[in-house]
C-alpha atoms as a PDB file:
ATOM      1  CA  MET A   1     123.428 121.488 154.896  1.00  0.00           C
ATOM      2  CA  THR A   2     120.019 122.113 153.706  1.00  0.00           C
ATOM      3  CA  SER A   3     121.351 124.288 150.986  1.00  0.00           C
ATOM      4  CA  THR A   4     123.574 121.662 149.192  1.00  0.00           C
ATOM      5  CA  ALA A   5     120.702 119.090 149.868  1.00  0.00           C
ATOM      6  CA  ALA A   6     118.549 121.078 147.709  1.00  0.00           C
ATOM      7  CA  LYS A   7     121.355 121.727 145.089  1.00  0.00           C
ATOM      8  CA  SER A   8     121.945 117.907 144.547  1.00  0.00           C
ATOM      9  CA  ARG A   9     118.308 116.908 143.731  1.00  0.00           C
ATOM     10  CA  PHE A  10     117.350 116.801 140.177  1.00  0.00           C
ATOM     11  CA  GLU A  11     115.383 119.322 138.372  1.00  0.00           C
ATOM     12  CA  LEU A  12     113.458 119.213 135.146  1.00  0.00           C
ATOM     13  CA  ASN A  13     114.141 121.976 132.735  1.00  0.00           C
ATOM     14  CA  GLY A  14     113.300 122.943 129.091  1.00  0.00           C
ATOM     15  CA  TRP A  15     116.497 121.063 127.826  1.00  0.00           C
ATOM     16  CA  HIS A  16     115.351 117.835 129.490  1.00  0.00           C
ATOM     17  CA  VAL A  17     111.944 117.986 127.654  1.00  0.00           C
ATOM     18  CA  LEU A  18     113.416 118.741 124.619  1.00  0.00           C
ATOM     19  CA  ALA A  19     115.838 115.544 124.784  1.00  0.00           C
ATOM     20  CA  GLY A  20     112.857 113.466 126.049  1.00  0.00           C
ATOM     21  CA  VAL A  21     110.602 114.362 122.871  1.00  0.00           C
ATOM     22  CA  VAL A  22     113.473 114.149 120.166  1.00  0.00           C
ATOM     23  CA  GLY A  23     114.367 110.748 121.671  1.00  0.00           C
ATOM     24  CA  PHE A  24     110.735 109.367 121.681  1.00  0.00           C
ATOM     25  CA  PHE A  25     110.169 110.263 118.264  1.00  0.00           C
ATOM     26  CA  ALA A  26     113.396 109.120 117.060  1.00  0.00           C
ATOM     27  CA  VAL A  27     112.813 105.606 118.519  1.00  0.00           C
ATOM     28  CA  ILE A  28     109.377 105.881 116.755  1.00  0.00           C
ATOM     29  CA  ILE A  29     110.917 106.774 113.239  1.00  0.00           C
ATOM     30  CA  ALA A  30     113.666 104.190 113.879  1.00  0.00           C
ATOM     31  CA  VAL A  31     111.273 101.541 114.372  1.00  0.00           C
ATOM     32  CA  ASP A  32     109.034 102.664 111.639  1.00  0.00           C
ATOM     33  CA  VAL A  33     112.310 102.520 109.255  1.00  0.00           C
ATOM     34  CA  VAL A  34     113.248  98.909 110.341  1.00  0.00           C
ATOM     35  CA  PHE A  35     109.472  97.678 109.692  1.00  0.00           C
ATOM     36  CA  VAL A  36     109.515  99.387 106.090  1.00  0.00           C
ATOM     37  CA  ILE A  37     112.383  97.748 105.001  1.00  0.00           C
ATOM     38  CA  GLN A  38     111.351  94.354 106.202  1.00  0.00           C
ATOM     39  CA  ALA A  39     108.058  94.753 104.199  1.00  0.00           C
ATOM     40  CA  VAL A  40     109.810  95.855 100.930  1.00  0.00           C
ATOM     41  CA  ARG A  41     112.469  93.078 101.272  1.00  0.00           C
ATOM     42  CA  THR A  42     109.797  90.485 102.090  1.00  0.00           C
ATOM     43  CA  TYR A  43     107.152  91.208  99.791  1.00  0.00           C
ATOM     44  CA  PRO A  44     107.896  93.673  96.616  1.00  0.00           C
ATOM     45  CA  GLY A  45     104.277  94.096  95.610  1.00  0.00           C
ATOM     46  CA  GLU A  46     104.668  92.392  92.532  1.00  0.00           C
ATOM     47  CA  VAL A  47     101.375  90.737  91.218  1.00  0.00           C
ATOM     48  CA  SER A  48     102.722  89.546  87.863  1.00  0.00           C
ATOM     49  CA  VAL A  49     106.082  88.841  86.605  1.00  0.00           C
ATOM     50  CA  THR A  50     105.317  89.907  83.172  1.00  0.00           C
ATOM     51  CA  PRO A  51     102.904  93.242  83.635  1.00  0.00           C
ATOM     52  CA  TYR A  52     103.487  94.712  80.021  1.00  0.00           C
ATOM     53  CA  GLU A  53     103.110  91.841  78.392  1.00  0.00           C
ATOM     54  CA  ASP A  54      99.892  91.180  80.215  1.00  0.00           C
ATOM     55  CA  GLY A  55      98.605  94.471  79.192  1.00  0.00           C
ATOM     56  CA  LEU A  56      99.207  93.744  75.693  1.00  0.00           C
ATOM     57  CA  ALA A  57      97.539  90.563  75.950  1.00  0.00           C
ATOM     58  CA  TYR A  58      94.254  92.412  77.423  1.00  0.00           C
ATOM     59  CA  ASN A  59      92.479  93.113  74.055  1.00  0.00           C
ATOM     60  CA  LYS A  60      92.894  89.696  72.907  1.00  0.00           C
ATOM     61  CA  ARG A  61      91.714  88.035  76.078  1.00  0.00           C
ATOM     62  CA  ILE A  62      88.383  90.374  75.579  1.00  0.00           C
ATOM     63  CA  ALA A  63      88.252  89.093  71.796  1.00  0.00           C
ATOM     64  CA  GLN A  64      88.339  85.720  72.875  1.00  0.00           C
ATOM     65  CA  LEU A  65      85.650  86.191  75.442  1.00  0.00           C
ATOM     66  CA  GLU A  66      83.353  87.991  72.855  1.00  0.00           C
ATOM     67  CA  ALA A  67      83.767  85.214  70.511  1.00  0.00           C
ATOM     68  CA  GLN A  68      83.042  82.586  73.279  1.00  0.00           C
ATOM     69  CA  GLU A  69      79.739  84.530  74.018  1.00  0.00           C
ATOM     70  CA  GLN A  70      78.623  84.202  70.272  1.00  0.00           C
ATOM     71  CA  LEU A  71      79.100  80.264  70.609  1.00  0.00           C
ATOM     72  CA  GLY A  72      76.105  80.443  73.435  1.00  0.00           C
ATOM     73  CA  TRP A  73      77.922  77.176  75.190  1.00  0.00           C
ATOM     74  CA  THR A  74      77.753  76.770  78.740  1.00  0.00           C
ATOM     75  CA  ALA A  75      79.704  74.897  81.167  1.00  0.00           C
ATOM     76  CA  GLY A  76      78.718  73.607  84.443  1.00  0.00           C
ATOM     77  CA  VAL A  77      81.638  72.524  86.456  1.00  0.00           C
ATOM     78  CA  ALA A  78      81.436  70.695  89.809  1.00  0.00           C
ATOM     79  CA  ALA A  79      83.208  68.878  92.386  1.00  0.00           C
ATOM     80  CA  GLU A  80      82.365  65.011  92.514  1.00  0.00           C
ATOM     81  CA  PRO A  81      84.195  62.486  94.973  1.00  0.00           C
ATOM     82  CA  GLY A  82      87.840  62.484  93.591  1.00  0.00           C
ATOM     83  CA  ALA A  83      86.855  64.146  90.304  1.00  0.00           C
ATOM     84  CA  VAL A  84      86.288  67.423  88.632  1.00  0.00           C
ATOM     85  CA  LEU A  85      83.018  66.897  86.490  1.00  0.00           C
ATOM     86  CA  VAL A  86      82.537  69.388  83.604  1.00  0.00           C
ATOM     87  CA  LYS A  87      78.970  69.330  81.537  1.00  0.00           C
ATOM     88  CA  LEU A  88      79.491  71.207  78.328  1.00  0.00           C
ATOM     89  CA  ARG A  89      76.134  72.258  76.153  1.00  0.00           C
ATOM     90  CA  ASP A  90      75.692  74.375  73.461  1.00  0.00           C
ATOM     91  CA  GLU A  91      72.954  77.227  72.909  1.00  0.00           C
ATOM     92  CA  GLN A  92      69.859  74.608  72.652  1.00  0.00           C
ATOM     93  CA  GLY A  93      71.140  72.545  75.824  1.00  0.00           C
ATOM     94  CA  ARG A  94      72.380  69.778  73.907  1.00  0.00           C
ATOM     95  CA  PRO A  95      75.575  67.869  75.058  1.00  0.00           C
ATOM     96  CA  LEU A  96      78.652  69.019  73.280  1.00  0.00           C
ATOM     97  CA  THR A  97      80.679  65.820  72.222  1.00  0.00           C
ATOM     98  CA  GLY A  98      84.199  64.946  71.076  1.00  0.00           C
ATOM     99  CA  LEU A  99      85.961  68.048  72.431  1.00  0.00           C
ATOM    100  CA  THR A 100      89.306  68.097  73.518  1.00  0.00           C
ATOM    101  CA  VAL A 101      89.031  69.266  77.193  1.00  0.00           C
ATOM    102  CA  THR A 102      91.944  70.275  79.632  1.00  0.00           C
ATOM    103  CA  GLY A 103      92.301  72.147  82.568  1.00  0.00           C
ATOM    104  CA  LYS A 104      94.265  73.680  85.530  1.00  0.00           C
ATOM    105  CA  LEU A 105      93.785  72.961  89.282  1.00  0.00           C
ATOM    106  CA  LYS A 106      95.302  75.880  91.692  1.00  0.00           C
ATOM    107  CA  ARG A 107      94.674  77.111  95.326  1.00  0.00           C
ATOM    108  CA  PRO A 108      92.845  80.722  95.718  1.00  0.00           C
ATOM    109  CA  ALA A 109      95.948  82.193  97.108  1.00  0.00           C
ATOM    110  CA  THR A 110      99.133  80.511  95.900  1.00  0.00           C
ATOM    111  CA  GLU A 111     100.389  78.656  92.773  1.00  0.00           C
ATOM    112  CA  VAL A 112     101.793  75.847  94.960  1.00  0.00           C
ATOM    113  CA  GLY A 113     100.308  72.508  94.396  1.00  0.00           C
ATOM    114  CA  ALA A 114      98.713  73.629  90.915  1.00  0.00           C
ATOM    115  CA  LYS A 115      97.943  70.769  88.805  1.00  0.00           C
ATOM    116  CA  ALA A 116      97.240  70.167  84.925  1.00  0.00           C
ATOM    117  CA  LEU A 117      94.110  68.038  84.450  1.00  0.00           C
ATOM    118  CA  THR A 118      93.044  65.755  81.399  1.00  0.00           C
ATOM    119  CA  PHE A 119      89.426  65.189  80.864  1.00  0.00           C
ATOM    120  CA  ALA A 120      87.809  61.961  78.983  1.00  0.00           C
ATOM    121  CA  GLU A 121      84.344  62.276  77.865  1.00  0.00           C
ATOM    122  CA  ALA A 122      82.367  59.916  80.480  1.00  0.00           C
ATOM    123  CA  ALA A 123      79.058  60.639  78.953  1.00  0.00           C
ATOM    124  CA  PRO A 124      77.957  62.545  76.093  1.00  0.00           C
ATOM    125  CA  GLY A 125      78.812  66.430  77.004  1.00  0.00           C
ATOM    126  CA  ASP A 126      80.217  65.036  80.545  1.00  0.00           C
ATOM    127  CA  TYR A 127      83.801  65.238  80.758  1.00  0.00           C
ATOM    128  CA  THR A 128      85.531  64.165  84.098  1.00  0.00           C
ATOM    129  CA  ALA A 129      89.152  64.250  85.550  1.00  0.00           C
ATOM    130  CA  SER A 130      90.670  62.944  88.571  1.00  0.00           C
ATOM    131  CA  ALA A 131      91.550  65.800  91.281  1.00  0.00           C
ATOM    132  CA  ALA A 132      91.320  64.131  94.932  1.00  0.00           C
ATOM    133  CA  GLU A 133      92.945  67.125  97.327  1.00  0.00           C
ATOM    134  CA  ALA A 134      90.838  68.434 100.318  1.00  0.00           C
ATOM    135  CA  GLY A 135      90.061  71.908 100.364  1.00  0.00           C
ATOM    136  CA  ALA A 136      89.283  74.936  98.201  1.00  0.00           C
ATOM    137  CA  TRP A 137      90.551  75.317  94.483  1.00  0.00           C
ATOM    138  CA  ASP A 138      90.118  77.326  91.368  1.00  0.00           C
ATOM    139  CA  VAL A 139      89.534  75.234  88.360  1.00  0.00           C
ATOM    140  CA  THR A 140      90.183  76.647  84.499  1.00  0.00           C
ATOM    141  CA  VAL A 141      88.545  74.499  82.007  1.00  0.00           C
ATOM    142  CA  GLU A 142      89.187  74.857  78.203  1.00  0.00           C
ATOM    143  CA  ALA A 143      87.487  73.076  75.822  1.00  0.00           C
ATOM    144  CA  ARG A 144      88.543  72.809  72.089  1.00  0.00           C
ATOM    145  CA  GLY A 145      86.543  71.513  69.133  1.00  0.00           C
ATOM    146  CA  SER A 146      86.711  71.334  65.543  1.00  0.00           C
ATOM    147  CA  GLY A 147      87.850  74.508  63.576  1.00  0.00           C
ATOM    148  CA  GLY A 148      89.685  75.917  66.534  1.00  0.00           C
ATOM    149  CA  VAL A 149      86.812  76.624  68.240  1.00  0.00           C
ATOM    150  CA  ARG A 150      87.782  77.463  72.072  1.00  0.00           C
ATOM    151  CA  PHE A 151      85.732  77.736  75.178  1.00  0.00           C
ATOM    152  CA  GLU A 152      86.879  78.668  78.618  1.00  0.00           C
ATOM    153  CA  ALA A 153      85.291  78.602  82.073  1.00  0.00           C
ATOM    154  CA  GLN A 154      86.459  79.281  85.565  1.00  0.00           C
ATOM    155  CA  ARG A 155      84.923  78.111  88.849  1.00  0.00           C
ATOM    156  CA  ARG A 156      85.929  77.857  92.540  1.00  0.00           C
ATOM    157  CA  LEU A 157      85.502  74.190  93.790  1.00  0.00           C
ATOM    158  CA  SER A 158      85.954  72.633  97.146  1.00  0.00           C
ATOM    159  CA  TRP A 159      86.538  68.862  98.439  1.00  0.00           C
ATOM    160  CA  PRO A 160      85.778  67.967 102.155  1.00  0.00           C
END
């Protein structure tokens, strides 16, 4: 009886170890494949819908910024209670009046909730637009003057 009892006991050999190692890595690879497929399906990594066109516009953007720098204008953008305040000054610090000022307010991480802003001149060189939502916002302000003069400023603002 002792010889049959000894034969029925499980004995670990090389094939068992090989099957265990292969099975372990098969599970790891299968889980990794599932994760990669889900990652690609949920976020394709696309930053821009029109990357080629964005690249072509790059030199135009640089030329616009150089022309803006030559103007010598400055912009102070601040978050006021329920409003965005923009103070536009020329190179001598004098207020810039009579400009058409527009803007866009958007969240730093998403396009959801983006708002167009239309500014009105509240005082010489001071332009305001209503904006009353709490949180952090990126504001882009564009001022246009006579003769096609264009000035753009970007700031991050936050309201309590």
